[in-house]
Structure formats: structure tokens, C-alpha cells
């Protein structure tokens, strides 16, 4: 078992499992974020954010999610370095454009860009929500008689006042989508669920899924930037 985990196949297997776990998180995260554009009062988003912050199951999942992110990044880095050492000839000399898509040849670069966006995102939102005493304390609001932090005000204010952050968020969504076009189907391939028939189906499904995720994350800053949320 230990030999499998330390082998290249074992690393790819764990990388894929962590990737699928992160994909599941993305779906939940996007569903919550889309509440921002369905209710300009902010009540729906505040209720969702309050549930995520107080639910005991979510509190257990959060450190597991963090470990999943770290594991995914570390394994991706190790495998990328190993692949470069095993194939020292640069891709530019091998004319691989016809063999695989650009996103599949630049997964590590796309992942690095997404990581930078994630760091900015966490600093602006997660950090201020989790550690308000270290920054500006969050305003409070009451929804259906329940007192909670006004996270809608935090998020919407940044989107309304910062075009730069809106554009950064849109770019982050686009690069995330490109990362998923390959990562989605290759994750299933690495765990053994991908033969010749299913590979074409999964590649098609990956493009659809990546498009939905990218558009979902991009539409939120556009909604605020174009003034649909009002003042």
C-alpha cells in the first residue's frame, strides 16, 4: 500500500480524489454565491452564509477542505516536477498542439493562477469574516428574528466599489473553467472510470461543467459592476 501511495500512479490517484472533492466544494460554494444576485436585500445570502458559519458539520469539513487544497497543490507540484525531469525536451519542440488541448498542457500554470486568485479571495472575504477583530468588524443584521453578520454587505460593497476586483474575479472564473476542462475528466480517468467510450462523454461533460462554473462565477461581479444590484 505504501509503495502505491508513493508511486506516480498513486500520487495521480490521490490528486484526482482531492480534485473531485474540491469540485464538489466548488458546486456548493457557487450555489451559495449565486444567492447574491437572486435577492438584492441580501437576506438569502446572509442566511446561507450564517448557516455555513454555524453548522457543526461544516466546521468539521472546513479543515478537511483545507487539507484537500494543500494535498492537491503539493501533489500537482511534485508530479509536474517529475514529468519535467522525465521529459527534458520542451513541449515547444514536440509539436503537441495536435495531440492535446492547451489547457491539458498547462494545467499547472492554470492551477497557479487560480491559486493566486484564491489567495486574494480568501484575504478579502474569508479572513474578514473569520477574523473580524483583526480588521474591520462586520456589520450585523437581523433576518427573521435571527441576529447574524451582514456578509452580503461585505461582499456587495467590494464588488460595487472595485472594478479591479470585479475584473480579477472574472479572470479567476475563466481560468478556473479552463483548469476544469481537463481536470474534470482526467480525475475520473485516474481513478479508473474512463474507457474509450466514457472518455469522450466525460470530456464533453467536462466542457459543459467547466462552462457552467466559469459563467456562474463571472456573472456575479458583472451583476454588481453593471449596476443591476442598485446602489
Protein backbone atom coordinates (compact mmCIF):
# COMPACT_ATOMS: atom_id res chain seq x y z
CA UNK A 1 0.00 0.00 0.00
CA UNK A 2 2.80 2.42 0.90
CA UNK A 3 4.50 1.67 -2.44
CA UNK A 4 1.29 2.54 -4.27
CA UNK A 5 0.90 5.87 -2.46
CA UNK A 6 4.48 6.88 -3.23
CA UNK A 7 4.31 5.79 -6.88
CA UNK A 8 3.38 8.12 -9.72
CA UNK A 9 0.09 6.28 -10.24
CA UNK A 10 -0.71 6.52 -6.54
CA UNK A 11 0.00 10.25 -6.48
CA UNK A 12 -2.23 10.77 -9.52
CA UNK A 13 -4.97 8.72 -7.82
CA UNK A 14 -4.86 10.86 -4.67
CA UNK A 15 -4.59 14.03 -6.76
CA UNK A 16 -7.75 13.03 -8.61
CA UNK A 17 -9.68 12.21 -5.43
CA UNK A 18 -8.71 15.55 -3.91
CA UNK A 19 -9.67 17.25 -7.17
CA UNK A 20 -13.13 15.66 -7.19
CA UNK A 21 -13.56 16.67 -3.55
CA UNK A 22 -12.68 20.26 -4.44
CA UNK A 23 -15.09 20.15 -7.40
CA UNK A 24 -17.89 19.18 -5.01
CA UNK A 25 -16.93 22.16 -2.83
CA UNK A 26 -17.00 24.45 -5.89
CA UNK A 27 -20.59 23.44 -6.63
CA UNK A 28 -21.69 24.23 -3.07
CA UNK A 29 -19.71 27.48 -3.00
CA UNK A 30 -21.14 28.65 -6.32
CA UNK A 31 -24.70 27.79 -5.26
CA UNK A 32 -24.25 29.95 -2.15
CA UNK A 33 -22.63 32.81 -4.07
CA UNK A 34 -25.41 32.91 -6.65
CA UNK A 35 -27.77 33.94 -3.84
CA UNK A 36 -26.05 37.34 -4.14
CA UNK A 37 -27.88 38.04 -7.39
CA UNK A 38 -31.24 36.49 -6.50
CA UNK A 39 -32.05 38.82 -3.62
CA UNK A 40 -30.87 42.45 -3.52
CA UNK A 41 -31.87 42.73 0.13
CA UNK A 42 -29.07 40.31 0.97
CA UNK A 43 -31.25 38.22 3.27
CA UNK A 44 -30.90 34.99 1.28
CA UNK A 45 -27.12 35.24 1.10
CA UNK A 46 -26.84 36.18 4.78
CA UNK A 47 -28.99 33.20 5.76
CA UNK A 48 -26.83 30.89 3.64
CA UNK A 49 -23.58 32.34 4.96
CA UNK A 50 -24.86 32.15 8.54
CA UNK A 51 -25.82 28.50 8.06
CA UNK A 52 -22.36 27.70 6.66
CA UNK A 53 -20.67 29.51 9.56
CA UNK A 54 -22.69 27.89 12.34
CA UNK A 55 -23.41 24.39 11.05
CA UNK A 56 -21.31 21.85 13.03
CA UNK A 57 -20.86 19.60 10.00
CA UNK A 58 -19.41 22.47 8.01
CA UNK A 59 -17.00 23.21 10.86
CA UNK A 60 -15.73 19.63 10.58
CA UNK A 61 -15.49 19.79 6.78
CA UNK A 62 -13.54 23.09 6.74
CA UNK A 63 -10.18 21.67 7.96
CA UNK A 64 -10.66 18.65 5.69
CA UNK A 65 -11.20 21.06 2.80
CA UNK A 66 -8.02 22.94 3.70
CA UNK A 67 -6.08 19.66 3.78
CA UNK A 68 -7.60 18.74 0.40
CA UNK A 69 -6.40 22.03 -1.10
CA UNK A 70 -2.89 21.64 0.30
CA UNK A 71 -2.66 18.00 -0.79
CA UNK A 72 -3.86 18.87 -4.28
CA UNK A 73 -1.31 21.66 -4.65
CA UNK A 74 1.60 19.63 -3.26
CA UNK A 75 0.90 16.54 -5.38
CA UNK A 76 0.37 18.64 -8.52
CA UNK A 77 3.74 20.32 -7.91
CA UNK A 78 5.53 17.01 -7.31
CA UNK A 79 4.04 15.36 -10.41
CA UNK A 80 4.82 18.39 -12.58
CA UNK A 81 8.47 18.39 -11.47
CA UNK A 82 8.73 14.64 -12.01
CA UNK A 83 7.25 14.94 -15.51
CA UNK A 84 9.67 17.72 -16.42
CA UNK A 85 12.63 15.66 -15.26
CA UNK A 86 11.38 12.59 -17.14
CA UNK A 87 10.83 14.57 -20.35
CA UNK A 88 13.50 17.26 -20.54
CA UNK A 89 12.64 18.09 -24.16
CA UNK A 90 10.41 21.13 -24.15
CA UNK A 91 6.87 20.80 -25.41
CA UNK A 92 7.50 23.55 -27.94
CA UNK A 93 9.89 21.25 -29.78
CA UNK A 94 7.48 18.34 -29.88
CA UNK A 95 4.51 19.93 -31.66
CA UNK A 96 1.95 18.58 -29.21
CA UNK A 97 -0.73 21.05 -30.22
CA UNK A 98 -2.48 18.41 -32.30
CA UNK A 99 -2.33 15.75 -29.61
CA UNK A 100 -3.94 17.54 -26.66
CA UNK A 101 -5.66 20.76 -25.77
CA UNK A 102 -3.85 23.85 -24.49
CA UNK A 103 -5.49 23.54 -21.07
CA UNK A 104 -4.22 19.98 -20.59
CA UNK A 105 -0.64 21.07 -21.42
CA UNK A 106 -0.81 24.00 -19.00
CA UNK A 107 -2.70 22.57 -16.05
CA UNK A 108 -0.05 23.58 -13.53
CA UNK A 109 0.09 27.15 -14.81
CA UNK A 110 -3.69 27.43 -14.76
CA UNK A 111 -3.73 25.99 -11.25
CA UNK A 112 -1.13 28.53 -10.11
CA UNK A 113 -3.21 31.41 -11.48
CA UNK A 114 -6.33 30.06 -9.77
CA UNK A 115 -4.31 29.76 -6.53
CA UNK A 116 -3.32 33.44 -6.73
CA UNK A 117 -6.95 34.41 -7.24
CA UNK A 118 -7.97 32.16 -4.35
CA UNK A 119 -5.46 33.86 -2.03
CA UNK A 120 -6.87 37.30 -2.90
CA UNK A 121 -10.42 36.00 -2.50
CA UNK A 122 -9.70 34.47 0.90
CA UNK A 123 -7.99 37.64 2.10
CA UNK A 124 -10.90 39.90 1.11
CA UNK A 125 -13.75 37.69 2.32
CA UNK A 126 -12.89 34.63 4.39
CA UNK A 127 -10.27 36.44 6.51
CA UNK A 128 -12.59 39.34 7.33
CA UNK A 129 -15.46 37.00 8.14
CA UNK A 130 -13.44 34.60 10.30
CA UNK A 131 -11.21 37.20 11.99
CA UNK A 132 -13.19 40.46 12.13
CA UNK A 133 -11.31 41.62 15.24
CA UNK A 134 -8.09 41.79 13.22
CA UNK A 135 -9.66 44.01 10.56
CA UNK A 136 -12.86 45.96 10.22
CA UNK A 137 -15.63 44.31 12.30
CA UNK A 138 -18.53 43.08 10.20
CA UNK A 139 -21.84 44.89 10.45
CA UNK A 140 -24.69 42.89 11.95
CA UNK A 141 -28.19 42.40 10.65
CA UNK A 142 -31.33 40.53 11.68
CA UNK A 143 -33.17 38.15 9.35
CA UNK A 144 -36.42 36.56 10.53
CA UNK A 145 -35.54 37.45 14.10
CA UNK A 146 -32.08 35.85 13.95
CA UNK A 147 -29.06 38.09 14.50
CA UNK A 148 -26.19 37.41 12.11
CA UNK A 149 -23.22 39.04 10.41
CA UNK A 150 -24.06 41.07 7.31
CA UNK A 151 -21.76 39.23 4.93
CA UNK A 152 -23.82 40.43 1.99
CA UNK A 153 -22.76 44.00 2.76
CA UNK A 154 -19.09 42.95 2.85
CA UNK A 155 -19.22 41.14 -0.49
CA UNK A 156 -21.52 43.50 -2.37
CA UNK A 157 -19.62 46.60 -1.22
CA UNK A 158 -16.36 45.31 -2.65
CA UNK A 159 -17.95 44.37 -5.97
CA UNK A 160 -19.74 47.74 -6.22
CA UNK A 161 -16.69 49.85 -5.42
CA UNK A 162 -13.81 47.96 -7.03
CA UNK A 163 -13.80 47.43 -10.79
CA UNK A 164 -10.31 45.95 -10.45
CA UNK A 165 -11.53 43.24 -8.11
CA UNK A 166 -14.53 42.53 -10.35
CA UNK A 167 -12.20 42.03 -13.32
CA UNK A 168 -9.88 39.87 -11.21
CA UNK A 169 -12.84 37.75 -10.12
CA UNK A 170 -13.96 37.36 -13.74
CA UNK A 171 -10.46 36.30 -14.82
CA UNK A 172 -10.35 33.88 -11.91
CA UNK A 173 -13.61 32.31 -13.07
CA UNK A 174 -12.31 31.98 -16.64
CA UNK A 175 -9.02 30.38 -15.60
CA UNK A 176 -10.87 28.07 -13.21
CA UNK A 177 -13.08 26.95 -16.08
CA UNK A 178 -10.04 26.25 -18.27
CA UNK A 179 -8.47 24.27 -15.43
CA UNK A 180 -11.63 22.18 -15.08
CA UNK A 181 -11.96 21.36 -18.80
CA UNK A 182 -9.09 18.92 -18.37
CA UNK A 183 -9.11 18.32 -14.62
CA UNK A 184 -12.71 17.09 -14.50
CA UNK A 185 -12.45 14.18 -16.94
CA UNK A 186 -8.82 13.32 -16.15
CA UNK A 187 -9.76 12.88 -12.47
CA UNK A 188 -12.19 10.13 -13.46
CA UNK A 189 -9.57 8.63 -15.77
CA UNK A 190 -7.01 8.43 -12.95
CA UNK A 191 -9.41 6.56 -10.67
CA UNK A 192 -10.18 4.06 -13.43
CA UNK A 193 -13.59 5.30 -14.55
CA UNK A 194 -12.71 6.20 -18.11
CA UNK A 195 -12.52 3.82 -21.06
CA UNK A 196 -12.53 4.82 -24.74
CA UNK A 197 -16.32 5.26 -24.79
CA UNK A 198 -16.63 7.09 -21.50
CA UNK A 199 -13.63 9.33 -22.14
CA UNK A 200 -15.40 11.17 -24.97
CA UNK A 201 -18.53 11.50 -22.86
CA UNK A 202 -16.58 12.76 -19.86
CA UNK A 203 -14.62 15.22 -21.99
CA UNK A 204 -17.91 16.62 -23.28
CA UNK A 205 -19.37 16.72 -19.77
CA UNK A 206 -16.19 18.41 -18.51
CA UNK A 207 -16.56 21.23 -21.04
CA UNK A 208 -20.20 21.74 -20.09
CA UNK A 209 -19.44 21.66 -16.38
CA UNK A 210 -16.44 23.99 -16.75
CA UNK A 211 -18.55 26.43 -18.77
CA UNK A 212 -21.30 26.46 -16.13
CA UNK A 213 -18.79 27.02 -13.31
CA UNK A 214 -16.94 29.78 -15.19
CA UNK A 215 -20.12 31.60 -16.19
CA UNK A 216 -21.57 31.17 -12.70
CA UNK A 217 -18.60 32.83 -11.02
CA UNK A 218 -18.22 35.51 -13.71
CA UNK A 219 -21.85 36.60 -13.67
CA UNK A 220 -21.71 37.64 -10.01
CA UNK A 221 -19.18 40.51 -10.33
CA UNK A 222 -20.77 41.52 -13.65
CA UNK A 223 -24.12 41.80 -11.91
CA UNK A 224 -22.73 44.32 -9.42
CA UNK A 225 -20.34 46.05 -11.81
CA UNK A 226 -23.12 46.77 -14.32
CA UNK A 227 -25.35 48.18 -11.59
CA UNK A 228 -28.12 45.58 -11.53
CA UNK A 229 -27.92 45.39 -7.74
CA UNK A 230 -28.62 49.13 -7.39
CA UNK A 231 -26.78 51.45 -5.03
